[in-house]
Amino acid sequence: MSKYVKNLIMRDLSARLKGVDGLGVINPRGINATKNNQIRRKLRGAGLRMMVVKNSLAKRALGEGKLKGFEQLLDGPSALIYGKAEVSAIARLMLEQKKAYGELELRGVYFDGEVYAGQKGVEQISKLPTREEALSGMVAAMLSPGRKLAGILKGQASKMASILKTIEEKAKEKEAAAEAAAPVGAPTA
């Protein structure tokens, strides 16, 4: 491969992975063309892409960017799975594809400067919440004390209302008993 072609490939790879925060790496060896297309179609449906790369060109293309350090996952034939989706979503899709195609080797996931190697690393990342799940959990945690306080106040208010109603009913009963006991011509208080 000429130096000109290598430079073109490196520029293309850098441009494709410019805004990517994390990625997954698999070994595409042993996957026939039909399975490869099925995997790519499934990934594309989730907004992800898969690209087979030459390890040395990938290392040079992403040398000092956000993805510096992911090259630990590059060993032998490598395919990068990347996209705008959350890294946990990438890991979940990788695990789905591993279940569908047992011969698929998961090399790992790179995210936030950390390498999560092998299938265990992918499983670890897949258990992380997505951004939406994390935000909904935070909102629920923030609203929980307010709900508890409102419940307490509502409970206390209903208890107080119940007590006041009981007192009012007893006062009416006493008043009715006093009127019944008073002589007919006597003035009432």
Protein backbone atom coordinates (compact mmCIF):
# COMPACT_ATOMS: atom_id res chain seq x y z
CA MET A 1 0.00 0.00 0.00
CA SER A 2 1.47 3.35 -0.98
CA LYS A 3 2.06 6.15 1.51
CA TYR A 4 -0.56 8.28 -0.25
CA VAL A 5 -3.25 5.59 0.19
CA LYS A 6 -2.25 5.08 3.84
CA ASN A 7 -2.58 8.81 4.49
CA LEU A 8 -6.03 8.84 2.86
CA ILE A 9 -7.15 5.93 5.03
CA MET A 10 -5.78 7.56 8.18
CA ARG A 11 -7.56 10.85 7.40
CA ASP A 12 -10.81 9.01 6.73
CA LEU A 13 -10.50 7.04 9.96
CA SER A 14 -9.72 10.19 11.96
CA ALA A 15 -12.73 11.98 10.44
CA ARG A 16 -15.09 9.08 11.16
CA LEU A 17 -14.02 8.79 14.79
CA LYS A 18 -13.68 12.52 15.49
CA GLY A 19 -16.67 12.99 17.84
CA VAL A 20 -16.65 9.46 19.28
CA ASP A 21 -16.15 9.12 23.04
CA GLY A 22 -15.97 5.35 23.22
CA LEU A 23 -15.94 2.31 21.00
CA GLY A 24 -16.07 -1.45 20.97
CA VAL A 25 -13.61 -3.80 19.33
CA ILE A 26 -14.38 -7.28 18.02
CA ASN A 27 -12.46 -9.92 16.10
CA PRO A 28 -14.25 -10.41 12.76
CA ARG A 29 -12.40 -13.67 12.04
CA GLY A 30 -14.73 -16.62 11.45
CA ILE A 31 -17.74 -14.52 10.47
CA ASN A 32 -18.89 -15.09 6.91
CA ALA A 33 -20.20 -12.32 4.65
CA THR A 34 -23.86 -13.02 5.41
CA LYS A 35 -23.36 -12.82 9.18
CA ASN A 36 -21.18 -9.75 8.74
CA ASN A 37 -23.96 -7.99 6.82
CA GLN A 38 -26.54 -9.02 9.41
CA ILE A 39 -24.37 -7.62 12.22
CA ARG A 40 -23.81 -4.37 10.32
CA ARG A 41 -27.55 -4.03 9.60
CA LYS A 42 -28.40 -4.53 13.29
CA LEU A 43 -25.75 -1.99 14.33
CA ARG A 44 -26.88 0.52 11.69
CA GLY A 45 -30.43 0.26 13.05
CA ALA A 46 -29.07 1.45 16.41
CA GLY A 47 -27.07 4.30 14.84
CA LEU A 48 -23.75 2.47 15.01
CA ARG A 49 -21.15 1.54 12.44
CA MET A 50 -18.63 -1.29 12.18
CA MET A 51 -15.35 -0.81 10.37
CA VAL A 52 -12.55 -3.33 9.88
CA VAL A 53 -9.23 -1.55 10.36
CA LYS A 54 -5.57 -2.23 9.94
CA ASN A 55 -4.15 -1.97 13.45
CA SER A 56 -1.07 0.09 12.61
CA LEU A 57 -3.10 2.65 10.64
CA ALA A 58 -5.69 2.90 13.42
CA LYS A 59 -2.97 3.53 16.01
CA ARG A 60 -1.42 6.28 13.91
CA ALA A 61 -4.73 7.87 12.93
CA LEU A 62 -5.98 8.18 16.51
CA GLY A 63 -2.60 8.87 18.11
CA GLU A 64 -3.32 11.81 20.44
CA GLY A 65 -7.12 12.19 20.30
CA LYS A 66 -9.86 11.27 22.77
CA LEU A 67 -9.37 7.60 21.97
CA LYS A 68 -5.70 7.49 22.90
CA GLY A 69 -5.09 4.23 24.71
CA PHE A 70 -7.65 2.05 22.96
CA GLU A 71 -4.90 0.42 20.91
CA GLN A 72 -4.49 -2.15 23.72
CA LEU A 73 -7.57 -3.84 22.26
CA LEU A 74 -6.02 -4.12 18.79
CA ASP A 75 -4.46 -7.55 18.42
CA GLY A 76 -4.89 -9.39 15.16
CA PRO A 77 -7.86 -8.72 12.89
CA SER A 78 -9.96 -5.96 14.42
CA ALA A 79 -13.30 -4.32 13.70
CA LEU A 80 -14.28 -1.11 15.47
CA ILE A 81 -17.89 -0.52 16.52
CA TYR A 82 -18.57 3.16 17.00
CA GLY A 83 -21.30 5.74 16.77
CA LYS A 84 -23.18 8.47 18.58
CA ALA A 85 -24.93 5.96 20.89
CA GLU A 86 -24.01 5.53 24.54
CA VAL A 87 -21.13 3.17 25.26
CA SER A 88 -23.42 0.98 27.35
CA ALA A 89 -25.72 0.63 24.33
CA ILE A 90 -22.72 -0.37 22.20
CA ALA A 91 -21.75 -3.00 24.78
CA ARG A 92 -25.32 -4.35 24.95
CA LEU A 93 -25.46 -4.71 21.16
CA MET A 94 -22.08 -6.43 21.17
CA LEU A 95 -23.35 -8.96 23.71
CA GLU A 96 -26.53 -9.52 21.66
CA GLN A 97 -24.42 -10.27 18.61
CA LYS A 98 -22.20 -12.60 20.65
CA LYS A 99 -25.32 -14.57 21.66
CA ALA A 100 -26.52 -14.68 18.06
CA TYR A 101 -23.14 -15.64 16.64
CA GLY A 102 -21.17 -17.65 19.19
CA GLU A 103 -17.94 -17.54 17.17
CA LEU A 104 -17.77 -13.74 17.54
CA GLU A 105 -14.85 -12.73 19.77
CA LEU A 106 -15.37 -9.62 21.88
CA ARG A 107 -12.07 -7.85 22.42
CA GLY A 108 -13.45 -5.16 24.69
CA VAL A 109 -14.71 -1.63 25.04
CA TYR A 110 -12.82 1.64 25.37
CA PHE A 111 -14.54 4.46 27.22
CA ASP A 112 -13.45 7.55 29.14
CA GLY A 113 -9.76 6.69 28.97
CA GLU A 114 -10.33 3.19 30.35
CA VAL A 115 -9.96 -0.14 28.58
CA TYR A 116 -12.49 -2.82 29.50
CA ALA A 117 -10.97 -5.93 27.95
CA GLY A 118 -12.67 -9.12 26.90
CA GLN A 119 -16.21 -10.30 27.33
CA LYS A 120 -16.16 -9.50 31.06
CA GLY A 121 -15.28 -5.89 30.31
CA VAL A 122 -18.09 -5.66 27.77
CA GLU A 123 -20.55 -7.15 30.30
CA GLN A 124 -19.37 -4.66 32.92
CA ILE A 125 -20.00 -1.69 30.61
CA SER A 126 -23.36 -3.08 29.43
CA LYS A 127 -24.66 -2.84 33.01
CA LEU A 128 -24.04 0.90 33.14
CA PRO A 129 -27.13 3.04 32.67
CA THR A 130 -27.55 5.07 29.52
CA ARG A 131 -27.68 8.85 29.81
CA GLU A 132 -31.49 8.87 29.84
CA GLU A 133 -31.65 6.15 32.50
CA ALA A 134 -29.13 7.99 34.67
CA LEU A 135 -31.01 11.28 34.35
CA SER A 136 -34.34 9.68 35.21
CA GLY A 137 -32.73 8.05 38.26
CA MET A 138 -31.34 11.42 39.37
CA VAL A 139 -34.70 13.14 38.92
CA ALA A 140 -36.44 10.39 40.89
CA ALA A 141 -33.86 10.71 43.68
CA MET A 142 -34.31 14.49 43.75
CA LEU A 143 -38.11 14.25 43.86
CA SER A 144 -38.23 11.46 46.44
CA PRO A 145 -37.71 13.63 49.57
CA GLY A 146 -40.40 16.07 48.38
CA ARG A 147 -42.83 13.21 47.82
CA LYS A 148 -42.10 11.83 51.28
CA LEU A 149 -42.60 15.24 52.87
CA ALA A 150 -45.85 15.76 50.99
CA GLY A 151 -47.02 12.31 52.09
CA ILE A 152 -46.17 13.06 55.71
CA LEU A 153 -47.90 16.43 55.61
CA LYS A 154 -50.93 14.95 53.88
CA GLY A 155 -51.04 12.13 56.42
CA GLN A 156 -50.73 14.52 59.34
CA ALA A 157 -53.35 16.85 57.88
CA SER A 158 -55.79 13.98 57.42
CA LYS A 159 -55.16 12.84 61.01
CA MET A 160 -55.76 16.39 62.25
CA ALA A 161 -58.93 16.69 60.17
CA SER A 162 -60.14 13.38 61.56
CA ILE A 163 -59.48 14.52 65.14
CA LEU A 164 -61.26 17.86 64.54
CA LYS A 165 -64.24 16.08 62.99
CA THR A 166 -64.45 13.74 66.00
CA ILE A 167 -64.31 16.72 68.40
CA GLU A 168 -67.01 18.53 66.39
CA GLU A 169 -69.26 15.45 66.39
CA LYS A 170 -68.83 15.02 70.17
CA ALA A 171 -69.59 18.71 70.71
CA LYS A 172 -72.77 18.38 68.64
CA GLU A 173 -73.75 15.27 70.60
CA LYS A 174 -73.23 17.12 73.94
CA GLU A 175 -75.18 20.09 72.66
CA ALA A 176 -78.03 17.87 71.51
CA ALA A 177 -78.00 16.02 74.86
CA ALA A 178 -77.99 19.32 76.75
CA GLU A 179 -80.98 20.59 74.74
CA ALA A 180 -82.85 17.36 75.34
CA ALA A 181 -82.17 17.49 79.08
CA ALA A 182 -83.12 21.16 79.51
CA PRO A 183 -86.73 21.98 80.57
CA VAL A 184 -88.95 23.19 77.77
CA GLY A 185 -89.43 26.73 79.07
CA ALA A 186 -85.87 27.30 80.35
CA PRO A 187 -83.55 29.56 78.37
CA THR A 188 -80.68 27.80 76.62
CA ALA A 189 -77.15 29.08 76.71
